[in-house]
Amino acid sequence: MGFPYDEASWSVADGVIFMGWGTAMPGMYTAIAAGICVAVLLFGQATEKSKMRQFD
């Protein structure tokens, strides 16, 4: 799988040029990324809360 065009220029690109376009995958990747972000925020909040209890 190489570069899809003969010339490396933006002028030859017409339309969307990423894998998964036209399928459910962009939405799935967005949902997975949002889930990871929420998990990181919840883990960070729990960690900060436990560290804050040390100073009370």
PDB file of N, CA and C in Angstrom:
ATOM      1  N   MET A   1       0.837  -1.174   0.000  1.00  0.00           N
ATOM      2  CA  MET A   1       0.000   0.000   0.000  1.00  0.00           C
ATOM      3  C   MET A   1       0.879   1.232   0.000  1.00  0.00           C
ATOM      4  N   GLY A   2       0.937   1.907  -1.072  1.00  0.00           N
ATOM      5  CA  GLY A   2       1.770   3.094  -1.176  1.00  0.00           C
ATOM      6  C   GLY A   2       0.941   4.346  -1.282  1.00  0.00           C
ATOM      7  N   PHE A   3       1.572   5.381  -1.755  1.00  0.00           N
ATOM      8  CA  PHE A   3       0.886   6.648  -1.961  1.00  0.00           C
ATOM      9  C   PHE A   3      -0.087   6.496  -3.119  1.00  0.00           C
ATOM     10  N   PRO A   4      -1.342   6.895  -2.957  1.00  0.00           N
ATOM     11  CA  PRO A   4      -2.347   6.591  -3.978  1.00  0.00           C
ATOM     12  C   PRO A   4      -2.277   7.451  -5.232  1.00  0.00           C
ATOM     13  N   TYR A   5      -1.400   8.436  -5.279  1.00  0.00           N
ATOM     14  CA  TYR A   5      -1.335   9.332  -6.432  1.00  0.00           C
ATOM     15  C   TYR A   5       0.051   9.283  -7.059  1.00  0.00           C
ATOM     16  N   ASP A   6       0.136   9.647  -8.314  1.00  0.00           N
ATOM     17  CA  ASP A   6       1.422   9.684  -9.011  1.00  0.00           C
ATOM     18  C   ASP A   6       2.259  10.880  -8.583  1.00  0.00           C
ATOM     19  N   GLU A   7       1.609  11.939  -8.171  1.00  0.00           N
ATOM     20  CA  GLU A   7       2.272  13.190  -7.848  1.00  0.00           C
ATOM     21  C   GLU A   7       2.003  13.529  -6.389  1.00  0.00           C
ATOM     22  N   ALA A   8       3.028  13.894  -5.638  1.00  0.00           N
ATOM     23  CA  ALA A   8       2.868  14.238  -4.216  1.00  0.00           C
ATOM     24  C   ALA A   8       2.480  15.698  -4.083  1.00  0.00           C
ATOM     25  N   SER A   9       1.224  16.013  -4.368  1.00  0.00           N
ATOM     26  CA  SER A   9       0.734  17.381  -4.306  1.00  0.00           C
ATOM     27  C   SER A   9      -0.727  17.363  -3.850  1.00  0.00           C
ATOM     28  N   TRP A  10      -1.125  18.376  -3.094  1.00  0.00           N
ATOM     29  CA  TRP A  10      -2.500  18.451  -2.635  1.00  0.00           C
ATOM     30  C   TRP A  10      -3.467  18.752  -3.766  1.00  0.00           C
ATOM     31  N   SER A  11      -2.950  19.248  -4.874  1.00  0.00           N
ATOM     32  CA  SER A  11      -3.839  19.588  -5.982  1.00  0.00           C
ATOM     33  C   SER A  11      -4.452  18.354  -6.646  1.00  0.00           C
ATOM     34  N   VAL A  12      -3.849  17.176  -6.474  1.00  0.00           N
ATOM     35  CA  VAL A  12      -4.395  15.965  -7.080  1.00  0.00           C
ATOM     36  C   VAL A  12      -5.389  15.255  -6.164  1.00  0.00           C
ATOM     37  N   ALA A  13      -5.435  15.653  -4.888  1.00  0.00           N
ATOM     38  CA  ALA A  13      -6.361  15.022  -3.946  1.00  0.00           C
ATOM     39  C   ALA A  13      -7.770  15.542  -4.195  1.00  0.00           C
ATOM     40  N   ASP A  14      -8.689  14.607  -4.419  1.00  0.00           N
ATOM     41  CA  ASP A  14     -10.074  15.006  -4.636  1.00  0.00           C
ATOM     42  C   ASP A  14     -10.960  14.200  -3.698  1.00  0.00           C
ATOM     43  N   GLY A  15     -11.470  14.857  -2.669  1.00  0.00           N
ATOM     44  CA  GLY A  15     -12.317  14.183  -1.706  1.00  0.00           C
ATOM     45  C   GLY A  15     -11.544  13.693  -0.502  1.00  0.00           C
ATOM     46  N   VAL A  16     -12.162  12.804   0.211  1.00  0.00           N
ATOM     47  CA  VAL A  16     -11.601  12.273   1.447  1.00  0.00           C
ATOM     48  C   VAL A  16     -10.547  11.228   1.121  1.00  0.00           C
ATOM     49  N   ILE A  17      -9.407  11.262   1.829  1.00  0.00           N
ATOM     50  CA  ILE A  17      -8.340  10.312   1.539  1.00  0.00           C
ATOM     51  C   ILE A  17      -7.836   9.600   2.796  1.00  0.00           C
ATOM     52  N   PHE A  18      -8.753   9.164   3.663  1.00  0.00           N
ATOM     53  CA  PHE A  18      -8.322   8.337   4.780  1.00  0.00           C
ATOM     54  C   PHE A  18      -9.094   7.026   4.775  1.00  0.00           C
ATOM     55  N   MET A  19      -8.472   6.004   5.379  1.00  0.00           N
ATOM     56  CA  MET A  19      -9.069   4.671   5.370  1.00  0.00           C
ATOM     57  C   MET A  19     -10.335   4.645   6.215  1.00  0.00           C
ATOM     58  N   GLY A  20     -11.311   3.910   5.771  1.00  0.00           N
ATOM     59  CA  GLY A  20     -12.529   3.736   6.535  1.00  0.00           C
ATOM     60  C   GLY A  20     -13.638   4.691   6.148  1.00  0.00           C
ATOM     61  N   TRP A  21     -13.381   5.604   5.229  1.00  0.00           N
ATOM     62  CA  TRP A  21     -14.418   6.550   4.841  1.00  0.00           C
ATOM     63  C   TRP A  21     -15.565   5.811   4.168  1.00  0.00           C
ATOM     64  N   GLY A  22     -16.765   6.164   4.502  1.00  0.00           N
ATOM     65  CA  GLY A  22     -17.934   5.524   3.932  1.00  0.00           C
ATOM     66  C   GLY A  22     -18.406   4.317   4.730  1.00  0.00           C
ATOM     67  N   THR A  23     -17.723   4.009   5.820  1.00  0.00           N
ATOM     68  CA  THR A  23     -18.113   2.895   6.677  1.00  0.00           C
ATOM     69  C   THR A  23     -18.428   3.454   8.065  1.00  0.00           C
ATOM     70  N   ALA A  24     -18.688   2.580   9.000  1.00  0.00           N
ATOM     71  CA  ALA A  24     -18.966   3.003  10.371  1.00  0.00           C
ATOM     72  C   ALA A  24     -17.690   3.226  11.173  1.00  0.00           C
ATOM     73  N   MET A  25     -16.535   2.949  10.613  1.00  0.00           N
ATOM     74  CA  MET A  25     -15.295   2.997  11.388  1.00  0.00           C
ATOM     75  C   MET A  25     -14.935   4.384  11.912  1.00  0.00           C
ATOM     76  N   PRO A  26     -15.077   5.488  11.159  1.00  0.00           N
ATOM     77  CA  PRO A  26     -14.761   6.782  11.779  1.00  0.00           C
ATOM     78  C   PRO A  26     -15.588   7.043  13.034  1.00  0.00           C
ATOM     79  N   GLY A  27     -16.856   6.695  13.012  1.00  0.00           N
ATOM     80  CA  GLY A  27     -17.681   6.848  14.206  1.00  0.00           C
ATOM     81  C   GLY A  27     -17.258   5.916  15.323  1.00  0.00           C
ATOM     82  N   MET A  28     -16.874   4.714  14.964  1.00  0.00           N
ATOM     83  CA  MET A  28     -16.415   3.758  15.978  1.00  0.00           C
ATOM     84  C   MET A  28     -15.119   4.238  16.620  1.00  0.00           C
ATOM     85  N   TYR A  29     -14.187   4.733  15.811  1.00  0.00           N
ATOM     86  CA  TYR A  29     -12.926   5.236  16.355  1.00  0.00           C
ATOM     87  C   TYR A  29     -13.175   6.441  17.261  1.00  0.00           C
ATOM     88  N   THR A  30     -14.122   7.292  16.899  1.00  0.00           N
ATOM     89  CA  THR A  30     -14.462   8.437  17.740  1.00  0.00           C
ATOM     90  C   THR A  30     -15.061   7.972  19.063  1.00  0.00           C
ATOM     91  N   ALA A  31     -15.939   6.978  19.021  1.00  0.00           N
ATOM     92  CA  ALA A  31     -16.538   6.452  20.245  1.00  0.00           C
ATOM     93  C   ALA A  31     -15.487   5.792  21.137  1.00  0.00           C
ATOM     94  N   ILE A  32     -14.573   5.057  20.546  1.00  0.00           N
ATOM     95  CA  ILE A  32     -13.496   4.423  21.325  1.00  0.00           C
ATOM     96  C   ILE A  32     -12.619   5.488  21.974  1.00  0.00           C
ATOM     97  N   ALA A  33     -12.262   6.529  21.211  1.00  0.00           N
ATOM     98  CA  ALA A  33     -11.420   7.601  21.756  1.00  0.00           C
ATOM     99  C   ALA A  33     -12.139   8.343  22.868  1.00  0.00           C
ATOM    100  N   ALA A  34     -13.440   8.589  22.701  1.00  0.00           N
ATOM    101  CA  ALA A  34     -14.204   9.264  23.753  1.00  0.00           C
ATOM    102  C   ALA A  34     -14.257   8.401  25.008  1.00  0.00           C
ATOM    103  N   GLY A  35     -14.420   7.100  24.848  1.00  0.00           N
ATOM    104  CA  GLY A  35     -14.419   6.192  25.990  1.00  0.00           C
ATOM    105  C   GLY A  35     -13.094   6.195  26.726  1.00  0.00           C
ATOM    106  N   ILE A  36     -12.007   6.214  25.972  1.00  0.00           N
ATOM    107  CA  ILE A  36     -10.677   6.265  26.597  1.00  0.00           C
ATOM    108  C   ILE A  36     -10.503   7.576  27.352  1.00  0.00           C
ATOM    109  N   CYS A  37     -10.946   8.680  26.766  1.00  0.00           N
ATOM    110  CA  CYS A  37     -10.835   9.977  27.443  1.00  0.00           C
ATOM    111  C   CYS A  37     -11.619   9.994  28.750  1.00  0.00           C
ATOM    112  N   VAL A  38     -12.822   9.472  28.734  1.00  0.00           N
ATOM    113  CA  VAL A  38     -13.636   9.427  29.954  1.00  0.00           C
ATOM    114  C   VAL A  38     -12.970   8.543  31.003  1.00  0.00           C
ATOM    115  N   ALA A  39     -12.420   7.403  30.595  1.00  0.00           N
ATOM    116  CA  ALA A  39     -11.744   6.508  31.536  1.00  0.00           C
ATOM    117  C   ALA A  39     -10.534   7.188  32.168  1.00  0.00           C
ATOM    118  N   VAL A  40      -9.763   7.912  31.369  1.00  0.00           N
ATOM    119  CA  VAL A  40      -8.590   8.613  31.902  1.00  0.00           C
ATOM    120  C   VAL A  40      -9.019   9.699  32.882  1.00  0.00           C
ATOM    121  N   LEU A  41     -10.075  10.435  32.544  1.00  0.00           N
ATOM    122  CA  LEU A  41     -10.561  11.474  33.468  1.00  0.00           C
ATOM    123  C   LEU A  41     -11.055  10.880  34.780  1.00  0.00           C
ATOM    124  N   LEU A  42     -11.789   9.778  34.723  1.00  0.00           N
ATOM    125  CA  LEU A  42     -12.286   9.144  35.948  1.00  0.00           C
ATOM    126  C   LEU A  42     -11.135   8.596  36.785  1.00  0.00           C
ATOM    127  N   PHE A  43     -10.153   7.976  36.141  1.00  0.00           N
ATOM    128  CA  PHE A  43      -8.998   7.452  36.872  1.00  0.00           C
ATOM    129  C   PHE A  43      -8.204   8.587  37.509  1.00  0.00           C
ATOM    130  N   GLY A  44      -8.018   9.672  36.767  1.00  0.00           N
ATOM    131  CA  GLY A  44      -7.295  10.822  37.309  1.00  0.00           C
ATOM    132  C   GLY A  44      -8.023  11.444  38.480  1.00  0.00           C
ATOM    133  N   GLN A  45      -9.337  11.541  38.391  1.00  0.00           N
ATOM    134  CA  GLN A  45     -10.125  12.105  39.490  1.00  0.00           C
ATOM    135  C   GLN A  45     -10.017  11.230  40.730  1.00  0.00           C
ATOM    136  N   ALA A  46     -10.088   9.915  40.557  1.00  0.00           N
ATOM    137  CA  ALA A  46      -9.970   9.004  41.701  1.00  0.00           C
ATOM    138  C   ALA A  46      -8.588   9.102  42.332  1.00  0.00           C
ATOM    139  N   THR A  47      -7.568   9.204  41.508  1.00  0.00           N
ATOM    140  CA  THR A  47      -6.203   9.313  42.027  1.00  0.00           C
ATOM    141  C   THR A  47      -6.011  10.618  42.790  1.00  0.00           C
ATOM    142  N   GLU A  48      -6.506  11.709  42.226  1.00  0.00           N
ATOM    143  CA  GLU A  48      -6.376  13.002  42.896  1.00  0.00           C
ATOM    144  C   GLU A  48      -7.153  13.024  44.211  1.00  0.00           C
ATOM    145  N   LYS A  49      -8.319  12.407  44.221  1.00  0.00           N
ATOM    146  CA  LYS A  49      -9.120  12.381  45.450  1.00  0.00           C
ATOM    147  C   LYS A  49      -8.396  11.605  46.545  1.00  0.00           C
ATOM    148  N   SER A  50      -7.766  10.481  46.183  1.00  0.00           N
ATOM    149  CA  SER A  50      -7.050   9.706  47.188  1.00  0.00           C
ATOM    150  C   SER A  50      -5.808  10.442  47.690  1.00  0.00           C
ATOM    151  N   LYS A  51      -5.148  11.185  46.831  1.00  0.00           N
ATOM    152  CA  LYS A  51      -3.980  11.959  47.269  1.00  0.00           C
ATOM    153  C   LYS A  51      -4.396  13.134  48.127  1.00  0.00           C
ATOM    154  N   MET A  52      -5.559  13.710  47.842  1.00  0.00           N
ATOM    155  CA  MET A  52      -6.029  14.854  48.609  1.00  0.00           C
ATOM    156  C   MET A  52      -6.411  14.446  50.027  1.00  0.00           C
ATOM    157  N   ARG A  53      -6.889  13.217  50.205  1.00  0.00           N
ATOM    158  CA  ARG A  53      -7.253  12.743  51.548  1.00  0.00           C
ATOM    159  C   ARG A  53      -6.048  12.704  52.484  1.00  0.00           C
ATOM    160  N   GLN A  54      -4.849  12.584  51.939  1.00  0.00           N
ATOM    161  CA  GLN A  54      -3.639  12.547  52.774  1.00  0.00           C
ATOM    162  C   GLN A  54      -3.417  13.877  53.504  1.00  0.00           C
ATOM    163  N   PHE A  55      -3.936  14.971  52.958  1.00  0.00           N
ATOM    164  CA  PHE A  55      -3.689  16.297  53.538  1.00  0.00           C
ATOM    165  C   PHE A  55      -4.831  16.803  54.382  1.00  0.00           C
ATOM    166  N   ASP A  56      -5.888  16.005  54.532  1.00  0.00           N
ATOM    167  CA  ASP A  56      -7.028  16.446  55.365  1.00  0.00           C
ATOM    168  C   ASP A  56      -6.809  16.098  56.807  1.00  0.00           C
TER     169      ASP A  56
END
